[in-house]
Amino acid sequence: MELDTGGCRLAFHKRNGAKRAIVTPTGGRRNPHKIVFYAKDVAKARKAVIARGGRMGEVKTWGKLRLCDGQDPEGHVFQISNRP
């Protein structure tokens, strides 16, 4: 899947392991990675993702920082954050 972000294209590709294609979600304690999307209003962006059928956790707050984790349809973790 590819996304045209205007200034660049963001591509998501399946990854191959040593013997075959990896078909389960990657990322986690042993293989951490996460794409983070900026939103000025994290709660509003969260609601928009949920309205489109996305799975989102609760908004977490640390001082002025707000963030929220979600999962794409294949189970890959991403985050919405107000940190530019």
N, C-alpha and C. Protein backbone atom coordinates (compact mmCIF):
# COMPACT_ATOMS: atom_id res chain seq x y z
N MET A 1 0.84 -1.16 0.00
CA MET A 1 0.00 0.00 0.00
C MET A 1 0.90 1.23 0.00
N GLU A 2 0.52 2.25 -0.75
CA GLU A 2 1.27 3.50 -0.77
C GLU A 2 0.33 4.67 -0.52
N LEU A 3 0.83 5.66 0.21
CA LEU A 3 0.08 6.88 0.49
C LEU A 3 0.83 8.06 -0.10
N ASP A 4 0.14 8.91 -0.84
CA ASP A 4 0.73 10.13 -1.37
C ASP A 4 0.51 11.22 -0.34
N THR A 5 1.56 11.64 0.33
CA THR A 5 1.45 12.63 1.40
C THR A 5 1.69 14.05 0.90
N GLY A 6 1.86 14.21 -0.38
CA GLY A 6 2.12 15.53 -0.95
C GLY A 6 3.60 15.77 -1.15
N GLY A 7 4.36 15.75 -0.07
CA GLY A 7 5.80 15.97 -0.15
C GLY A 7 6.60 14.70 -0.37
N CYS A 8 5.95 13.55 -0.15
CA CYS A 8 6.62 12.26 -0.35
C CYS A 8 5.56 11.18 -0.44
N ARG A 9 5.99 9.99 -0.79
CA ARG A 9 5.09 8.84 -0.79
C ARG A 9 5.51 7.91 0.34
N LEU A 10 4.56 7.47 1.12
CA LEU A 10 4.81 6.58 2.23
C LEU A 10 4.33 5.19 1.81
N ALA A 11 5.25 4.22 1.79
CA ALA A 11 4.92 2.88 1.31
C ALA A 11 5.00 1.86 2.44
N PHE A 12 4.04 0.95 2.47
CA PHE A 12 4.01 -0.16 3.41
C PHE A 12 4.14 -1.43 2.58
N HIS A 13 5.16 -2.23 2.86
CA HIS A 13 5.39 -3.46 2.11
C HIS A 13 5.52 -4.63 3.05
N LYS A 14 5.07 -5.79 2.60
CA LYS A 14 5.29 -7.00 3.39
C LYS A 14 6.78 -7.29 3.44
N ARG A 15 7.19 -7.92 4.50
CA ARG A 15 8.60 -8.20 4.70
C ARG A 15 8.83 -9.70 4.60
N ASN A 16 9.98 -10.09 4.09
CA ASN A 16 10.35 -11.50 4.01
C ASN A 16 11.29 -11.85 5.15
N GLY A 17 11.04 -12.99 5.77
CA GLY A 17 11.93 -13.50 6.79
C GLY A 17 12.99 -14.37 6.15
N ALA A 18 13.71 -15.13 6.94
CA ALA A 18 14.79 -15.97 6.43
C ALA A 18 14.29 -17.05 5.47
N LYS A 19 13.08 -17.58 5.72
CA LYS A 19 12.60 -18.70 4.90
C LYS A 19 11.34 -18.39 4.10
N ARG A 20 10.58 -17.34 4.49
CA ARG A 20 9.31 -17.08 3.80
C ARG A 20 8.83 -15.66 4.12
N ALA A 21 7.74 -15.29 3.46
CA ALA A 21 7.14 -13.99 3.73
C ALA A 21 6.59 -13.96 5.15
N ILE A 22 6.72 -12.84 5.81
CA ILE A 22 6.16 -12.65 7.15
C ILE A 22 4.71 -12.22 6.95
N VAL A 23 3.78 -13.00 7.48
CA VAL A 23 2.37 -12.71 7.27
C VAL A 23 1.64 -12.26 8.54
N THR A 24 2.35 -12.21 9.65
CA THR A 24 1.75 -11.71 10.89
C THR A 24 2.25 -10.30 11.14
N PRO A 25 1.54 -9.51 11.94
CA PRO A 25 2.00 -8.15 12.21
C PRO A 25 3.41 -8.14 12.80
N THR A 26 4.20 -7.18 12.37
CA THR A 26 5.54 -7.01 12.93
C THR A 26 5.50 -5.88 13.95
N GLY A 27 6.56 -5.73 14.66
CA GLY A 27 6.62 -4.74 15.73
C GLY A 27 6.23 -5.41 17.04
N GLY A 28 6.75 -4.93 18.10
CA GLY A 28 6.47 -5.49 19.41
C GLY A 28 7.72 -5.37 20.26
N ARG A 29 7.74 -6.09 21.35
CA ARG A 29 8.87 -5.99 22.28
C ARG A 29 10.20 -6.39 21.63
N ARG A 30 10.18 -7.41 20.78
CA ARG A 30 11.42 -7.88 20.17
C ARG A 30 11.75 -7.16 18.88
N ASN A 31 10.76 -6.52 18.26
CA ASN A 31 10.96 -5.86 16.97
C ASN A 31 10.16 -4.55 16.96
N PRO A 32 10.55 -3.59 17.79
CA PRO A 32 9.72 -2.39 17.94
C PRO A 32 9.85 -1.43 16.76
N HIS A 33 8.73 -0.95 16.31
CA HIS A 33 8.66 0.15 15.36
C HIS A 33 7.23 0.66 15.34
N LYS A 34 7.10 1.92 15.03
CA LYS A 34 5.77 2.51 15.02
C LYS A 34 5.82 3.75 14.15
N ILE A 35 4.86 3.89 13.25
CA ILE A 35 4.73 5.11 12.47
C ILE A 35 3.86 6.06 13.29
N VAL A 36 4.31 7.31 13.39
CA VAL A 36 3.59 8.30 14.17
C VAL A 36 3.11 9.41 13.24
N PHE A 37 1.81 9.71 13.32
CA PHE A 37 1.21 10.77 12.53
C PHE A 37 0.93 11.96 13.43
N TYR A 38 1.26 13.15 12.96
CA TYR A 38 1.03 14.37 13.72
C TYR A 38 -0.42 14.83 13.56
N ALA A 39 -1.01 15.28 14.65
CA ALA A 39 -2.32 15.93 14.63
C ALA A 39 -2.32 16.99 15.72
N LYS A 40 -2.73 18.18 15.39
CA LYS A 40 -2.82 19.25 16.39
C LYS A 40 -3.79 18.86 17.50
N ASP A 41 -4.92 18.24 17.12
CA ASP A 41 -5.94 17.80 18.07
C ASP A 41 -6.03 16.28 18.01
N VAL A 42 -5.35 15.60 18.92
CA VAL A 42 -5.28 14.14 18.91
C VAL A 42 -6.65 13.51 19.14
N ALA A 43 -7.43 14.05 20.06
CA ALA A 43 -8.75 13.48 20.34
C ALA A 43 -9.66 13.56 19.11
N LYS A 44 -9.60 14.66 18.39
CA LYS A 44 -10.41 14.82 17.18
C LYS A 44 -9.96 13.84 16.10
N ALA A 45 -8.65 13.69 15.92
CA ALA A 45 -8.12 12.75 14.93
C ALA A 45 -8.50 11.32 15.30
N ARG A 46 -8.45 11.00 16.59
CA ARG A 46 -8.84 9.67 17.07
C ARG A 46 -10.28 9.37 16.70
N LYS A 47 -11.16 10.32 16.96
CA LYS A 47 -12.58 10.13 16.63
C LYS A 47 -12.78 9.92 15.13
N ALA A 48 -12.02 10.64 14.31
CA ALA A 48 -12.13 10.49 12.86
C ALA A 48 -11.71 9.10 12.41
N VAL A 49 -10.64 8.56 13.01
CA VAL A 49 -10.18 7.21 12.66
C VAL A 49 -11.22 6.18 13.07
N ILE A 50 -11.76 6.32 14.29
CA ILE A 50 -12.78 5.39 14.78
C ILE A 50 -14.03 5.44 13.90
N ALA A 51 -14.42 6.63 13.47
CA ALA A 51 -15.60 6.79 12.61
C ALA A 51 -15.43 6.07 11.28
N ARG A 52 -14.17 5.86 10.88
CA ARG A 52 -13.89 5.15 9.63
C ARG A 52 -13.61 3.66 9.86
N GLY A 53 -13.85 3.20 11.08
CA GLY A 53 -13.70 1.77 11.38
C GLY A 53 -12.36 1.38 11.97
N GLY A 54 -11.51 2.35 12.28
CA GLY A 54 -10.20 2.05 12.86
C GLY A 54 -10.29 1.67 14.33
N ARG A 55 -9.28 0.98 14.79
CA ARG A 55 -9.19 0.59 16.20
C ARG A 55 -8.20 1.52 16.89
N MET A 56 -8.66 2.23 17.91
CA MET A 56 -7.80 3.19 18.61
C MET A 56 -7.91 2.99 20.11
N GLY A 57 -6.77 3.16 20.79
CA GLY A 57 -6.76 3.15 22.24
C GLY A 57 -7.17 4.51 22.76
N GLU A 58 -7.06 4.69 24.05
CA GLU A 58 -7.40 5.96 24.69
C GLU A 58 -6.28 6.98 24.49
N VAL A 59 -6.63 8.25 24.53
CA VAL A 59 -5.63 9.31 24.45
C VAL A 59 -4.88 9.36 25.78
N LYS A 60 -3.56 9.38 25.71
CA LYS A 60 -2.70 9.47 26.90
C LYS A 60 -2.10 10.87 26.94
N THR A 61 -1.93 11.41 28.14
CA THR A 61 -1.45 12.77 28.30
C THR A 61 -0.27 12.80 29.27
N TRP A 62 0.79 13.49 28.87
CA TRP A 62 1.94 13.78 29.73
C TRP A 62 2.25 15.25 29.54
N GLY A 63 1.83 16.08 30.48
CA GLY A 63 2.01 17.52 30.32
C GLY A 63 1.23 17.99 29.11
N LYS A 64 1.92 18.63 28.16
CA LYS A 64 1.26 19.10 26.93
C LYS A 64 1.24 18.04 25.83
N LEU A 65 1.97 16.95 26.03
CA LEU A 65 2.02 15.88 25.03
C LEU A 65 0.77 15.02 25.10
N ARG A 66 0.15 14.80 23.94
CA ARG A 66 -1.00 13.92 23.81
C ARG A 66 -0.68 12.89 22.74
N LEU A 67 -1.03 11.63 22.99
CA LEU A 67 -0.82 10.59 21.99
C LEU A 67 -1.83 9.48 22.15
N CYS A 68 -2.00 8.73 21.09
CA CYS A 68 -2.98 7.66 21.07
C CYS A 68 -2.50 6.58 20.09
N ASP A 69 -2.46 5.32 20.53
CA ASP A 69 -2.06 4.22 19.67
C ASP A 69 -3.27 3.60 18.99
N GLY A 70 -3.04 3.08 17.80
CA GLY A 70 -4.09 2.39 17.05
C GLY A 70 -3.49 1.23 16.29
N GLN A 71 -4.35 0.48 15.60
CA GLN A 71 -3.89 -0.63 14.77
C GLN A 71 -4.55 -0.55 13.40
N ASP A 72 -3.76 -0.81 12.36
CA ASP A 72 -4.33 -0.85 11.01
C ASP A 72 -5.06 -2.19 10.84
N PRO A 73 -5.73 -2.40 9.71
CA PRO A 73 -6.50 -3.65 9.53
C PRO A 73 -5.66 -4.92 9.62
N GLU A 74 -4.34 -4.84 9.38
CA GLU A 74 -3.48 -6.03 9.48
C GLU A 74 -2.87 -6.18 10.88
N GLY A 75 -3.16 -5.25 11.78
CA GLY A 75 -2.67 -5.35 13.15
C GLY A 75 -1.40 -4.58 13.44
N HIS A 76 -0.88 -3.82 12.47
CA HIS A 76 0.32 -3.03 12.70
C HIS A 76 -0.02 -1.81 13.55
N VAL A 77 0.82 -1.53 14.54
CA VAL A 77 0.60 -0.42 15.46
C VAL A 77 1.05 0.89 14.83
N PHE A 78 0.26 1.95 15.04
CA PHE A 78 0.66 3.31 14.66
C PHE A 78 0.22 4.22 15.79
N GLN A 79 0.62 5.47 15.70
CA GLN A 79 0.30 6.42 16.76
C GLN A 79 -0.08 7.76 16.17
N ILE A 80 -0.97 8.46 16.84
CA ILE A 80 -1.29 9.86 16.55
C ILE A 80 -0.74 10.65 17.72
N SER A 81 0.01 11.71 17.44
CA SER A 81 0.64 12.50 18.48
C SER A 81 0.59 13.99 18.12
N ASN A 82 0.56 14.84 19.14
CA ASN A 82 0.61 16.27 18.88
C ASN A 82 2.04 16.80 18.93
N ARG A 83 3.01 15.92 18.98
CA ARG A 83 4.41 16.33 18.95
C ARG A 83 4.83 16.50 17.48
N PRO A 84 5.15 17.76 17.08
CA PRO A 84 5.51 17.98 15.66
C PRO A 84 6.81 17.32 15.27
